[in-house]
Amino acid sequence: MINRLITYLEQFGPIPRSEHSALDQHFKPHHIPKNSHLLHQGEPQKHAGFVIEGLFRCYYIDLEGNEHSKHFVASNEVVMSISAFLNNDPALFNIQALEPSQIL
């Protein structure tokens, strides 16, 4: 599974072979059941995720309580709130598995 993450990351630049084992130590597989949330609006984003298989919906709830889909994340893509992760801010949206999913 880690090879799929490495292939994805190498789109942005080469990763030395010596760093592959470091990635393997930091990214572990997790099963996410359908309808489960990886992140709730207002929570900190503590981990980055890479979708091995499955589909996620990123959405937010406005002040009137209405849900608005922001985007979807499928296999071989990163799933996270980048700004919340980098800035240690509360997430502005939710991340929900729309089907049983596997992430690193």
C-alpha atoms as a PDB file:
ATOM      1  CA  MET A   1       0.000   0.000   0.000  1.00  0.00           C
ATOM      2  CA  ILE A   2       2.826   2.384   0.766  1.00  0.00           C
ATOM      3  CA  ASN A   3       3.984   2.087  -2.859  1.00  0.00           C
ATOM      4  CA  ARG A   4       0.776   3.783  -4.015  1.00  0.00           C
ATOM      5  CA  LEU A   5       1.474   6.690  -1.672  1.00  0.00           C
ATOM      6  CA  ILE A   6       5.058   6.944  -2.915  1.00  0.00           C
ATOM      7  CA  THR A   7       3.868   6.946  -6.539  1.00  0.00           C
ATOM      8  CA  TYR A   8       1.430   9.744  -5.695  1.00  0.00           C
ATOM      9  CA  LEU A   9       4.049  11.821  -3.885  1.00  0.00           C
ATOM     10  CA  GLU A  10       6.620  11.394  -6.652  1.00  0.00           C
ATOM     11  CA  GLN A  11       4.364  13.420  -8.948  1.00  0.00           C
ATOM     12  CA  PHE A  12       5.710  16.398  -7.004  1.00  0.00           C
ATOM     13  CA  GLY A  13       9.363  15.331  -6.933  1.00  0.00           C
ATOM     14  CA  PRO A  14      11.581  12.308  -6.423  1.00  0.00           C
ATOM     15  CA  ILE A  15      11.673  10.579  -3.047  1.00  0.00           C
ATOM     16  CA  PRO A  16      15.008   8.950  -2.195  1.00  0.00           C
ATOM     17  CA  ARG A  17      14.757   5.205  -1.672  1.00  0.00           C
ATOM     18  CA  SER A  18      16.217   5.706   1.808  1.00  0.00           C
ATOM     19  CA  GLU A  19      13.083   7.687   2.777  1.00  0.00           C
ATOM     20  CA  HIS A  20      10.597   4.986   1.747  1.00  0.00           C
ATOM     21  CA  SER A  21      10.896   3.148   5.075  1.00  0.00           C
ATOM     22  CA  ALA A  22      10.266   6.416   6.969  1.00  0.00           C
ATOM     23  CA  LEU A  23       6.983   6.814   5.086  1.00  0.00           C
ATOM     24  CA  ASP A  24       6.094   3.218   5.909  1.00  0.00           C
ATOM     25  CA  GLN A  25       6.639   3.950   9.623  1.00  0.00           C
ATOM     26  CA  HIS A  26       4.427   7.073   9.611  1.00  0.00           C
ATOM     27  CA  PHE A  27       1.529   5.877   7.442  1.00  0.00           C
ATOM     28  CA  LYS A  28      -0.454   2.902   8.719  1.00  0.00           C
ATOM     29  CA  PRO A  29      -3.551   1.342   7.096  1.00  0.00           C
ATOM     30  CA  HIS A  30      -6.946   2.100   8.635  1.00  0.00           C
ATOM     31  CA  HIS A  31     -10.380   0.815   7.696  1.00  0.00           C
ATOM     32  CA  ILE A  32     -13.056   3.523   7.750  1.00  0.00           C
ATOM     33  CA  PRO A  33     -16.658   2.222   7.854  1.00  0.00           C
ATOM     34  CA  LYS A  34     -19.317   3.723   5.612  1.00  0.00           C
ATOM     35  CA  ASN A  35     -20.805   6.965   7.002  1.00  0.00           C
ATOM     36  CA  SER A  36     -17.972   7.370   9.563  1.00  0.00           C
ATOM     37  CA  HIS A  37     -16.272  10.731   9.868  1.00  0.00           C
ATOM     38  CA  LEU A  38     -12.529  11.261   9.634  1.00  0.00           C
ATOM     39  CA  LEU A  39     -12.965  14.869  10.677  1.00  0.00           C
ATOM     40  CA  HIS A  40     -15.709  17.051  12.095  1.00  0.00           C
ATOM     41  CA  GLN A  41     -16.068  20.743  11.430  1.00  0.00           C
ATOM     42  CA  GLY A  42     -14.397  22.671  14.254  1.00  0.00           C
ATOM     43  CA  GLU A  43     -11.948  19.888  15.206  1.00  0.00           C
ATOM     44  CA  PRO A  44      -8.184  20.068  14.640  1.00  0.00           C
ATOM     45  CA  GLN A  45      -6.775  18.058  11.730  1.00  0.00           C
ATOM     46  CA  LYS A  46      -4.150  15.876  13.416  1.00  0.00           C
ATOM     47  CA  HIS A  47      -3.312  13.446  10.603  1.00  0.00           C
ATOM     48  CA  ALA A  48      -2.948  13.390   6.848  1.00  0.00           C
ATOM     49  CA  GLY A  49      -4.732  10.592   4.993  1.00  0.00           C
ATOM     50  CA  PHE A  50      -4.162   8.898   1.650  1.00  0.00           C
ATOM     51  CA  VAL A  51      -7.096   6.974   0.187  1.00  0.00           C
ATOM     52  CA  ILE A  52      -6.195   3.436  -0.905  1.00  0.00           C
ATOM     53  CA  GLU A  53      -9.799   2.632  -1.768  1.00  0.00           C
ATOM     54  CA  GLY A  54     -13.121   4.250  -1.078  1.00  0.00           C
ATOM     55  CA  LEU A  55     -14.842   7.590  -1.444  1.00  0.00           C
ATOM     56  CA  PHE A  56     -15.071  10.548   0.924  1.00  0.00           C
ATOM     57  CA  ARG A  57     -17.275  13.622   0.934  1.00  0.00           C
ATOM     58  CA  CYS A  58     -15.988  16.905   2.294  1.00  0.00           C
ATOM     59  CA  TYR A  59     -18.859  19.138   3.345  1.00  0.00           C
ATOM     60  CA  TYR A  60     -19.689  21.962   5.696  1.00  0.00           C
ATOM     61  CA  ILE A  61     -22.774  22.975   7.615  1.00  0.00           C
ATOM     62  CA  ASP A  62     -23.770  26.635   7.391  1.00  0.00           C
ATOM     63  CA  LEU A  63     -25.204  28.767  10.187  1.00  0.00           C
ATOM     64  CA  GLU A  64     -28.760  27.735   9.206  1.00  0.00           C
ATOM     65  CA  GLY A  65     -27.864  24.036   9.542  1.00  0.00           C
ATOM     66  CA  ASN A  66     -27.773  23.301   5.788  1.00  0.00           C
ATOM     67  CA  GLU A  67     -25.176  20.848   4.437  1.00  0.00           C
ATOM     68  CA  HIS A  68     -23.067  21.917   1.441  1.00  0.00           C
ATOM     69  CA  SER A  69     -20.791  19.437  -0.353  1.00  0.00           C
ATOM     70  CA  LYS A  70     -17.387  21.024  -0.953  1.00  0.00           C
ATOM     71  CA  HIS A  71     -15.697  18.225  -2.887  1.00  0.00           C
ATOM     72  CA  PHE A  72     -15.164  14.469  -3.054  1.00  0.00           C
ATOM     73  CA  VAL A  73     -11.967  12.474  -2.569  1.00  0.00           C
ATOM     74  CA  ALA A  74     -11.450   9.070  -4.196  1.00  0.00           C
ATOM     75  CA  SER A  75      -8.718   6.433  -4.392  1.00  0.00           C
ATOM     76  CA  ASN A  76      -5.127   7.610  -4.829  1.00  0.00           C
ATOM     77  CA  GLU A  77      -5.837  11.077  -3.424  1.00  0.00           C
ATOM     78  CA  VAL A  78      -5.034  12.854  -0.169  1.00  0.00           C
ATOM     79  CA  VAL A  79      -7.953  13.392   2.209  1.00  0.00           C
ATOM     80  CA  MET A  80      -7.538  16.135   4.803  1.00  0.00           C
ATOM     81  CA  SER A  81      -8.060  19.788   5.591  1.00  0.00           C
ATOM     82  CA  ILE A  82      -4.659  21.105   4.567  1.00  0.00           C
ATOM     83  CA  SER A  83      -5.089  24.553   6.125  1.00  0.00           C
ATOM     84  CA  ALA A  84      -6.276  23.102   9.448  1.00  0.00           C
ATOM     85  CA  PHE A  85      -3.348  20.657   9.446  1.00  0.00           C
ATOM     86  CA  LEU A  86      -0.644  23.185   8.568  1.00  0.00           C
ATOM     87  CA  ASN A  87      -1.949  26.031  10.729  1.00  0.00           C
ATOM     88  CA  ASN A  88      -3.257  23.910  13.618  1.00  0.00           C
ATOM     89  CA  ASP A  89      -6.656  25.595  13.131  1.00  0.00           C
ATOM     90  CA  PRO A  90     -10.111  24.070  13.576  1.00  0.00           C
ATOM     91  CA  ALA A  91     -11.361  22.412  10.386  1.00  0.00           C
ATOM     92  CA  LEU A  92     -13.887  24.377   8.362  1.00  0.00           C
ATOM     93  CA  PHE A  93     -15.527  21.220   7.012  1.00  0.00           C
ATOM     94  CA  ASN A  94     -16.381  17.577   7.751  1.00  0.00           C
ATOM     95  CA  ILE A  95     -14.897  14.526   6.036  1.00  0.00           C
ATOM     96  CA  GLN A  96     -17.226  11.503   5.769  1.00  0.00           C
ATOM     97  CA  ALA A  97     -16.713   8.072   4.189  1.00  0.00           C
ATOM     98  CA  LEU A  98     -19.473   7.430   1.642  1.00  0.00           C
ATOM     99  CA  GLU A  99     -18.530   3.756   1.375  1.00  0.00           C
ATOM    100  CA  PRO A 100     -16.304   1.349   3.318  1.00  0.00           C
ATOM    101  CA  SER A 101     -12.824   2.777   2.771  1.00  0.00           C
ATOM    102  CA  GLN A 102      -9.166   2.043   3.374  1.00  0.00           C
ATOM    103  CA  ILE A 103      -6.691   4.868   4.060  1.00  0.00           C
ATOM    104  CA  LEU A 104      -3.063   5.255   5.063  1.00  0.00           C
END
